[in-house]
Amino acid sequence: MMNNELTEQQVFQKLSALCARAEHCQWEMLEKMRQWGVDEETQARVMERLVNERYVDDRRYAEAFVRDKVRYNQWGRRKVEQALWLKHIDGDVARQALDAIDDDEYVSMLKPMLAQKRRTTKAQSDYELNMKLMKWAVGRGFTMDIIRQCLTVEEDF
């Protein structure tokens, strides 16, 4: 039995209202129900209903999450991949969403970021500067092949 405060219908209504405002994944909905003290059987029924009525769709969530984190937060592939893993998104679903963003988009996003960072980074040599820029870009979640591609283009100027 679940806690005395919320009925199964109330839990569904609260979660469906939440999902109507923004994309959420199954794990987030389960976490909400755990916090509310909803028993596991009720969680399973509510989750099944949320999925069947398309309030929750991990594939749709992953696509929106990847798009937002890459375009607005300017995260690289590795950082987005890790964030999806932390939200318990299936690896295949995450990979498909990440593959929808092509390398050219990462490059066109990273180039100006590296140029800006280059202007504000102090270093004794070009080698040290490039190492600092690489470390910074890796921290933003970009892969070494994309970073090298951008730094090589950057050095050609």
N, C-alpha and C. Protein backbone atom coordinates (compact mmCIF):
# COMPACT_ATOMS: atom_id res chain seq x y z
N MET A 1 0.85 -1.20 0.00
CA MET A 1 0.00 0.00 0.00
C MET A 1 0.88 1.24 0.00
N MET A 2 0.39 2.31 -0.57
CA MET A 2 1.18 3.53 -0.62
C MET A 2 0.87 4.43 0.56
N ASN A 3 1.61 5.54 0.64
CA ASN A 3 1.41 6.42 1.79
C ASN A 3 -0.01 6.97 1.81
N ASN A 4 -0.40 7.51 2.94
CA ASN A 4 -1.78 7.97 3.14
C ASN A 4 -2.09 9.27 2.40
N GLU A 5 -1.08 9.95 1.91
CA GLU A 5 -1.29 11.27 1.35
C GLU A 5 -1.81 11.26 -0.09
N LEU A 6 -1.29 10.38 -0.93
CA LEU A 6 -1.63 10.42 -2.35
C LEU A 6 -2.25 9.12 -2.84
N THR A 7 -3.33 9.26 -3.61
CA THR A 7 -3.90 8.08 -4.25
C THR A 7 -3.14 7.83 -5.55
N GLU A 8 -3.33 6.67 -6.13
CA GLU A 8 -2.67 6.35 -7.39
C GLU A 8 -3.05 7.36 -8.47
N GLN A 9 -4.33 7.75 -8.50
CA GLN A 9 -4.79 8.72 -9.50
C GLN A 9 -4.13 10.08 -9.28
N GLN A 10 -3.96 10.49 -8.02
CA GLN A 10 -3.32 11.77 -7.72
C GLN A 10 -1.85 11.76 -8.15
N VAL A 11 -1.18 10.63 -7.91
CA VAL A 11 0.22 10.50 -8.32
C VAL A 11 0.31 10.63 -9.84
N PHE A 12 -0.57 9.92 -10.55
CA PHE A 12 -0.58 9.99 -12.01
C PHE A 12 -0.84 11.42 -12.48
N GLN A 13 -1.80 12.09 -11.88
CA GLN A 13 -2.13 13.46 -12.30
C GLN A 13 -0.97 14.42 -12.06
N LYS A 14 -0.31 14.29 -10.92
CA LYS A 14 0.83 15.18 -10.63
C LYS A 14 1.97 14.94 -11.62
N LEU A 15 2.27 13.67 -11.90
CA LEU A 15 3.37 13.35 -12.81
C LEU A 15 3.03 13.69 -14.25
N SER A 16 1.79 13.46 -14.67
CA SER A 16 1.41 13.78 -16.05
C SER A 16 1.43 15.29 -16.26
N ALA A 17 1.06 16.07 -15.24
CA ALA A 17 1.13 17.53 -15.34
C ALA A 17 2.58 17.97 -15.46
N LEU A 18 3.45 17.33 -14.70
CA LEU A 18 4.89 17.63 -14.76
C LEU A 18 5.43 17.33 -16.15
N CYS A 19 5.05 16.20 -16.71
CA CYS A 19 5.51 15.78 -18.03
C CYS A 19 4.93 16.65 -19.14
N ALA A 20 3.77 17.23 -18.92
CA ALA A 20 3.16 18.09 -19.93
C ALA A 20 3.94 19.40 -20.06
N ARG A 21 4.62 19.80 -19.00
CA ARG A 21 5.39 21.05 -19.01
C ARG A 21 6.79 20.89 -19.60
N ALA A 22 7.39 19.72 -19.43
CA ALA A 22 8.76 19.48 -19.91
C ALA A 22 8.99 17.99 -20.08
N GLU A 23 9.99 17.65 -20.91
CA GLU A 23 10.34 16.24 -21.09
C GLU A 23 10.97 15.69 -19.81
N HIS A 24 10.58 14.48 -19.44
CA HIS A 24 11.18 13.79 -18.31
C HIS A 24 11.38 12.33 -18.69
N CYS A 25 12.38 11.70 -18.07
CA CYS A 25 12.63 10.28 -18.34
C CYS A 25 11.98 9.43 -17.26
N GLN A 26 11.93 8.13 -17.51
CA GLN A 26 11.31 7.20 -16.56
C GLN A 26 12.00 7.26 -15.20
N TRP A 27 13.32 7.32 -15.21
CA TRP A 27 14.06 7.33 -13.95
C TRP A 27 13.66 8.52 -13.08
N GLU A 28 13.50 9.70 -13.70
CA GLU A 28 13.10 10.89 -12.94
C GLU A 28 11.72 10.71 -12.31
N MET A 29 10.81 10.09 -13.05
CA MET A 29 9.46 9.87 -12.53
C MET A 29 9.48 8.87 -11.38
N LEU A 30 10.29 7.82 -11.52
CA LEU A 30 10.41 6.84 -10.45
C LEU A 30 11.01 7.47 -9.20
N GLU A 31 12.01 8.34 -9.40
CA GLU A 31 12.63 9.04 -8.26
C GLU A 31 11.60 9.91 -7.53
N LYS A 32 10.77 10.62 -8.29
CA LYS A 32 9.71 11.45 -7.69
C LYS A 32 8.79 10.58 -6.83
N MET A 33 8.37 9.45 -7.39
CA MET A 33 7.45 8.58 -6.65
C MET A 33 8.12 8.01 -5.41
N ARG A 34 9.42 7.66 -5.50
CA ARG A 34 10.13 7.17 -4.32
C ARG A 34 10.17 8.25 -3.24
N GLN A 35 10.43 9.48 -3.65
CA GLN A 35 10.48 10.60 -2.69
C GLN A 35 9.12 10.79 -2.01
N TRP A 36 8.05 10.56 -2.75
CA TRP A 36 6.71 10.71 -2.20
C TRP A 36 6.29 9.51 -1.36
N GLY A 37 7.10 8.47 -1.35
CA GLY A 37 6.78 7.28 -0.56
C GLY A 37 5.77 6.36 -1.22
N VAL A 38 5.70 6.38 -2.54
CA VAL A 38 4.76 5.54 -3.27
C VAL A 38 5.32 4.12 -3.32
N ASP A 39 4.48 3.13 -3.02
CA ASP A 39 4.97 1.74 -3.02
C ASP A 39 5.29 1.28 -4.44
N GLU A 40 6.11 0.21 -4.54
CA GLU A 40 6.64 -0.24 -5.83
C GLU A 40 5.56 -0.71 -6.80
N GLU A 41 4.53 -1.36 -6.30
CA GLU A 41 3.46 -1.83 -7.20
C GLU A 41 2.74 -0.65 -7.85
N THR A 42 2.45 0.36 -7.05
CA THR A 42 1.79 1.56 -7.57
C THR A 42 2.72 2.28 -8.54
N GLN A 43 4.01 2.34 -8.20
CA GLN A 43 4.98 2.97 -9.10
C GLN A 43 4.94 2.30 -10.47
N ALA A 44 4.92 0.98 -10.47
CA ALA A 44 4.93 0.22 -11.73
C ALA A 44 3.67 0.52 -12.54
N ARG A 45 2.51 0.56 -11.89
CA ARG A 45 1.26 0.83 -12.60
C ARG A 45 1.23 2.26 -13.16
N VAL A 46 1.65 3.22 -12.33
CA VAL A 46 1.66 4.62 -12.77
C VAL A 46 2.65 4.79 -13.93
N MET A 47 3.82 4.18 -13.80
CA MET A 47 4.83 4.31 -14.85
C MET A 47 4.33 3.71 -16.15
N GLU A 48 3.71 2.55 -16.07
CA GLU A 48 3.17 1.90 -17.27
C GLU A 48 2.14 2.82 -17.95
N ARG A 49 1.31 3.45 -17.15
CA ARG A 49 0.29 4.35 -17.70
C ARG A 49 0.95 5.60 -18.33
N LEU A 50 1.96 6.15 -17.65
CA LEU A 50 2.67 7.33 -18.20
C LEU A 50 3.31 7.01 -19.54
N VAL A 51 3.89 5.81 -19.65
CA VAL A 51 4.53 5.40 -20.90
C VAL A 51 3.48 5.13 -21.97
N ASN A 52 2.43 4.38 -21.63
CA ASN A 52 1.39 4.03 -22.60
C ASN A 52 0.67 5.26 -23.14
N GLU A 53 0.49 6.26 -22.29
CA GLU A 53 -0.20 7.49 -22.71
C GLU A 53 0.79 8.52 -23.25
N ARG A 54 2.04 8.10 -23.42
CA ARG A 54 3.12 8.88 -24.04
C ARG A 54 3.47 10.17 -23.30
N TYR A 55 3.24 10.21 -22.00
CA TYR A 55 3.74 11.32 -21.20
C TYR A 55 5.25 11.18 -21.02
N VAL A 56 5.69 9.94 -20.92
CA VAL A 56 7.11 9.65 -20.74
C VAL A 56 7.57 8.76 -21.89
N ASP A 57 8.65 9.20 -22.54
CA ASP A 57 9.24 8.44 -23.63
C ASP A 57 10.75 8.70 -23.57
N ASP A 58 11.51 7.71 -23.13
CA ASP A 58 12.95 7.90 -22.95
C ASP A 58 13.66 8.27 -24.25
N ARG A 59 13.19 7.76 -25.38
CA ARG A 59 13.81 8.08 -26.66
C ARG A 59 13.60 9.57 -26.98
N ARG A 60 12.38 10.02 -26.82
CA ARG A 60 12.06 11.44 -27.06
C ARG A 60 12.82 12.33 -26.08
N TYR A 61 12.88 11.88 -24.83
CA TYR A 61 13.61 12.63 -23.80
C TYR A 61 15.09 12.74 -24.18
N ALA A 62 15.70 11.63 -24.58
CA ALA A 62 17.13 11.62 -24.92
C ALA A 62 17.41 12.55 -26.09
N GLU A 63 16.55 12.54 -27.09
CA GLU A 63 16.74 13.42 -28.26
C GLU A 63 16.68 14.89 -27.84
N ALA A 64 15.71 15.25 -27.02
CA ALA A 64 15.58 16.64 -26.57
C ALA A 64 16.74 17.02 -25.66
N PHE A 65 17.13 16.12 -24.77
CA PHE A 65 18.23 16.37 -23.84
C PHE A 65 19.53 16.62 -24.59
N VAL A 66 19.83 15.77 -25.56
CA VAL A 66 21.06 15.91 -26.36
C VAL A 66 21.04 17.24 -27.11
N ARG A 67 19.94 17.50 -27.78
CA ARG A 67 19.82 18.74 -28.55
C ARG A 67 20.04 19.97 -27.66
N ASP A 68 19.38 20.01 -26.52
CA ASP A 68 19.50 21.15 -25.61
C ASP A 68 20.90 21.30 -25.03
N LYS A 69 21.49 20.20 -24.57
CA LYS A 69 22.81 20.28 -23.94
C LYS A 69 23.89 20.66 -24.94
N VAL A 70 23.77 20.20 -26.17
CA VAL A 70 24.77 20.53 -27.18
C VAL A 70 24.59 21.98 -27.65
N ARG A 71 23.37 22.35 -28.00
CA ARG A 71 23.15 23.67 -28.59
C ARG A 71 23.16 24.80 -27.58
N TYR A 72 22.57 24.60 -26.41
CA TYR A 72 22.43 25.71 -25.46
C TYR A 72 23.51 25.70 -24.38
N ASN A 73 23.88 24.53 -23.89
CA ASN A 73 24.90 24.45 -22.84
C ASN A 73 26.29 24.27 -23.42
N GLN A 74 26.35 23.97 -24.73
CA GLN A 74 27.60 23.77 -25.45
C GLN A 74 28.45 22.66 -24.82
N TRP A 75 27.78 21.55 -24.53
CA TRP A 75 28.47 20.38 -24.01
C TRP A 75 28.94 19.53 -25.18
N GLY A 76 30.04 18.82 -24.96
CA GLY A 76 30.52 17.85 -25.92
C GLY A 76 29.84 16.50 -25.72
N ARG A 77 30.10 15.61 -26.66
CA ARG A 77 29.47 14.28 -26.69
C ARG A 77 29.66 13.50 -25.39
N ARG A 78 30.89 13.47 -24.87
CA ARG A 78 31.18 12.67 -23.67
C ARG A 78 30.40 13.16 -22.46
N LYS A 79 30.31 14.46 -22.29
CA LYS A 79 29.60 15.01 -21.14
C LYS A 79 28.09 14.71 -21.23
N VAL A 80 27.54 14.83 -22.42
CA VAL A 80 26.12 14.53 -22.62
C VAL A 80 25.88 13.04 -22.39
N GLU A 81 26.77 12.22 -22.92
CA GLU A 81 26.66 10.76 -22.76
C GLU A 81 26.66 10.38 -21.28
N GLN A 82 27.54 11.00 -20.53
CA GLN A 82 27.63 10.72 -19.09
C GLN A 82 26.36 11.17 -18.36
N ALA A 83 25.83 12.32 -18.74
CA ALA A 83 24.60 12.82 -18.11
C ALA A 83 23.42 11.88 -18.40
N LEU A 84 23.35 11.36 -19.61
CA LEU A 84 22.29 10.41 -19.95
C LEU A 84 22.45 9.11 -19.16
N TRP A 85 23.68 8.68 -18.98
CA TRP A 85 23.95 7.48 -18.20
C TRP A 85 23.47 7.68 -16.75
N LEU A 86 23.73 8.87 -16.21
CA LEU A 86 23.31 9.16 -14.83
C LEU A 86 21.78 9.18 -14.69
N LYS A 87 21.09 9.42 -15.80
CA LYS A 87 19.63 9.41 -15.79
C LYS A 87 19.08 8.04 -16.19
N HIS A 88 19.96 7.04 -16.26
CA HIS A 88 19.59 5.65 -16.54
C HIS A 88 18.91 5.48 -17.89
N ILE A 89 19.35 6.25 -18.88
CA ILE A 89 18.83 6.09 -20.25
C ILE A 89 19.57 4.93 -20.89
N ASP A 90 18.85 4.03 -21.53
CA ASP A 90 19.42 2.87 -22.21
C ASP A 90 20.54 3.32 -23.15
N GLY A 91 21.63 2.56 -23.17
CA GLY A 91 22.79 2.90 -23.98
C GLY A 91 22.50 3.06 -25.46
N ASP A 92 21.66 2.17 -26.02
CA ASP A 92 21.33 2.26 -27.44
C ASP A 92 20.52 3.52 -27.75
N VAL A 93 19.60 3.85 -26.85
CA VAL A 93 18.78 5.05 -27.02
C VAL A 93 19.68 6.29 -26.96
N ALA A 94 20.60 6.31 -26.00
CA ALA A 94 21.53 7.43 -25.85
C ALA A 94 22.41 7.57 -27.10
N ARG A 95 22.94 6.44 -27.58
CA ARG A 95 23.82 6.46 -28.75
C ARG A 95 23.09 7.02 -29.97
N GLN A 96 21.86 6.58 -30.17
CA GLN A 96 21.09 7.06 -31.33
C GLN A 96 20.85 8.57 -31.23
N ALA A 97 20.52 9.05 -30.05
CA ALA A 97 20.29 10.49 -29.86
C ALA A 97 21.58 11.27 -30.09
N LEU A 98 22.70 10.75 -29.60
CA LEU A 98 23.99 11.42 -29.77
C LEU A 98 24.44 11.39 -31.23
N ASP A 99 24.15 10.30 -31.93
CA ASP A 99 24.55 10.19 -33.34
C ASP A 99 23.77 11.15 -34.23
N ALA A 100 22.64 11.65 -33.74
CA ALA A 100 21.85 12.61 -34.52
C ALA A 100 22.58 13.95 -34.66
N ILE A 101 23.52 14.22 -33.76
CA ILE A 101 24.33 15.43 -33.85
C ILE A 101 25.60 15.06 -34.59
N ASP A 102 25.83 15.68 -35.74
CA ASP A 102 27.00 15.31 -36.52
C ASP A 102 28.24 16.07 -36.06
N ASP A 103 29.39 15.52 -36.40
CA ASP A 103 30.67 16.10 -35.96
C ASP A 103 30.83 17.55 -36.40
N ASP A 104 30.27 17.90 -37.56
CA ASP A 104 30.39 19.28 -38.04
C ASP A 104 29.76 20.27 -37.07
N GLU A 105 28.66 19.86 -36.44
CA GLU A 105 28.02 20.76 -35.48
C GLU A 105 28.90 20.95 -34.25
N TYR A 106 29.53 19.86 -33.79
CA TYR A 106 30.46 19.98 -32.65
C TYR A 106 31.63 20.90 -33.02
N VAL A 107 32.17 20.71 -34.22
CA VAL A 107 33.31 21.51 -34.67
C VAL A 107 32.93 22.98 -34.76
N SER A 108 31.79 23.27 -35.38
CA SER A 108 31.37 24.68 -35.54
C SER A 108 31.06 25.32 -34.19
N MET A 109 30.73 24.54 -33.21
CA MET A 109 30.47 25.06 -31.87
C MET A 109 31.79 25.24 -31.10
N LEU A 110 32.70 24.27 -31.23
CA LEU A 110 33.93 24.29 -30.45
C LEU A 110 34.94 25.31 -30.95
N LYS A 111 35.00 25.54 -32.26
CA LYS A 111 35.99 26.47 -32.81
C LYS A 111 35.93 27.85 -32.15
N PRO A 112 34.77 28.52 -32.14
CA PRO A 112 34.74 29.84 -31.50
C PRO A 112 34.98 29.78 -29.99
N MET A 113 34.57 28.69 -29.36
CA MET A 113 34.82 28.54 -27.92
C MET A 113 36.33 28.47 -27.65
N LEU A 114 37.04 27.69 -28.48
CA LEU A 114 38.49 27.57 -28.33
C LEU A 114 39.19 28.90 -28.65
N ALA A 115 38.70 29.61 -29.66
CA ALA A 115 39.29 30.90 -30.02
C ALA A 115 39.16 31.87 -28.84
N GLN A 116 37.99 31.89 -28.23
CA GLN A 116 37.75 32.75 -27.06
C GLN A 116 38.65 32.34 -25.90
N LYS A 117 38.72 31.05 -25.64
CA LYS A 117 39.54 30.54 -24.54
C LYS A 117 41.03 30.83 -24.80
N ARG A 118 41.45 30.71 -26.06
CA ARG A 118 42.85 30.98 -26.44
C ARG A 118 43.24 32.42 -26.06
N ARG A 119 42.32 33.38 -26.26
CA ARG A 119 42.61 34.78 -25.96
C ARG A 119 42.79 35.03 -24.46
N THR A 120 42.15 34.21 -23.62
CA THR A 120 42.20 34.45 -22.17
C THR A 120 43.12 33.49 -21.42
N THR A 121 43.77 32.58 -22.13
CA THR A 121 44.63 31.59 -21.49
C THR A 121 46.10 32.01 -21.59
N LYS A 122 46.76 32.00 -20.45
CA LYS A 122 48.18 32.36 -20.42
C LYS A 122 49.03 31.09 -20.46
N ALA A 123 50.07 31.13 -21.29
CA ALA A 123 50.96 29.97 -21.41
C ALA A 123 52.34 30.43 -21.86
N GLN A 124 53.35 29.63 -21.50
CA GLN A 124 54.75 29.95 -21.85
C GLN A 124 55.07 29.61 -23.31
N SER A 125 54.34 28.65 -23.87
CA SER A 125 54.64 28.21 -25.24
C SER A 125 53.34 27.79 -25.93
N ASP A 126 53.42 27.62 -27.25
CA ASP A 126 52.26 27.14 -28.01
C ASP A 126 51.86 25.75 -27.54
N TYR A 127 52.86 24.92 -27.24
CA TYR A 127 52.58 23.57 -26.76
C TYR A 127 51.76 23.62 -25.46
N GLU A 128 52.23 24.44 -24.51
CA GLU A 128 51.53 24.56 -23.22
C GLU A 128 50.12 25.11 -23.43
N LEU A 129 49.98 26.09 -24.31
CA LEU A 129 48.67 26.67 -24.61
C LEU A 129 47.73 25.61 -25.17
N ASN A 130 48.23 24.83 -26.13
CA ASN A 130 47.39 23.78 -26.72
C ASN A 130 47.01 22.71 -25.70
N MET A 131 47.92 22.37 -24.79
CA MET A 131 47.61 21.40 -23.74
C MET A 131 46.50 21.94 -22.84
N LYS A 132 46.59 23.21 -22.48
CA LYS A 132 45.56 23.83 -21.63
C LYS A 132 44.22 23.87 -22.35
N LEU A 133 44.24 24.20 -23.64
CA LEU A 133 43.00 24.23 -24.42
C LEU A 133 42.39 22.84 -24.55
N MET A 134 43.24 21.84 -24.77
CA MET A 134 42.75 20.45 -24.86
C MET A 134 42.11 20.03 -23.54
N LYS A 135 42.80 20.31 -22.45
CA LYS A 135 42.27 19.94 -21.13
C LYS A 135 40.92 20.61 -20.88
N TRP A 136 40.83 21.88 -21.25
CA TRP A 136 39.59 22.62 -21.07
C TRP A 136 38.46 22.01 -21.90
N ALA A 137 38.76 21.70 -23.18
CA ALA A 137 37.74 21.14 -24.07
C ALA A 137 37.32 19.73 -23.64
N VAL A 138 38.27 18.94 -23.15
CA VAL A 138 37.93 17.60 -22.63
C VAL A 138 36.98 17.75 -21.44
N GLY A 139 37.24 18.74 -20.60
CA GLY A 139 36.37 19.00 -19.45
C GLY A 139 34.96 19.39 -19.87
N ARG A 140 34.82 19.97 -21.05
CA ARG A 140 33.49 20.32 -21.57
C ARG A 140 32.84 19.12 -22.25
N GLY A 141 33.57 17.99 -22.33
CA GLY A 141 32.99 16.77 -22.87
C GLY A 141 33.26 16.51 -24.34
N PHE A 142 34.18 17.26 -24.93
CA PHE A 142 34.50 17.04 -26.34
C PHE A 142 35.51 15.91 -26.47
N THR A 143 35.42 15.19 -27.58
CA THR A 143 36.33 14.07 -27.81
C THR A 143 37.63 14.60 -28.43
N MET A 144 38.70 13.84 -28.26
CA MET A 144 40.02 14.28 -28.73
C MET A 144 40.05 14.50 -30.24
N ASP A 145 39.34 13.68 -31.01
CA ASP A 145 39.38 13.87 -32.46
C ASP A 145 38.77 15.22 -32.86
N ILE A 146 37.69 15.61 -32.23
CA ILE A 146 37.06 16.91 -32.52
C ILE A 146 37.97 18.04 -32.04
N ILE A 147 38.57 17.87 -30.86
CA ILE A 147 39.47 18.91 -30.32
C ILE A 147 40.66 19.10 -31.24
N ARG A 148 41.29 18.00 -31.64
CA ARG A 148 42.45 18.09 -32.55
C ARG A 148 42.06 18.78 -33.86
N GLN A 149 40.91 18.40 -34.37
CA GLN A 149 40.42 18.99 -35.62
C GLN A 149 40.30 20.51 -35.46
N CYS A 150 39.74 20.97 -34.36
CA CYS A 150 39.56 22.40 -34.13
C CYS A 150 40.88 23.11 -33.85
N LEU A 151 41.76 22.48 -33.10
CA LEU A 151 43.05 23.11 -32.80
C LEU A 151 43.93 23.20 -34.04
N THR A 152 43.87 22.20 -34.90
CA THR A 152 44.65 22.22 -36.14
C THR A 152 44.17 23.37 -37.01
N VAL A 153 42.87 23.53 -37.14
CA VAL A 153 42.30 24.62 -37.93
C VAL A 153 42.69 25.96 -37.29
N GLU A 154 42.63 26.01 -35.97
CA GLU A 154 42.94 27.22 -35.20
C GLU A 154 44.39 27.64 -35.46
N GLU A 155 45.31 26.68 -35.49
CA GLU A 155 46.74 26.98 -35.66
C GLU A 155 47.06 27.45 -37.07
N ASP A 156 46.22 27.10 -38.04
CA ASP A 156 46.49 27.47 -39.43
C ASP A 156 46.37 28.96 -39.69
N PHE A 157 45.77 29.71 -38.76
CA PHE A 157 45.58 31.15 -38.97
C PHE A 157 46.83 31.94 -38.64
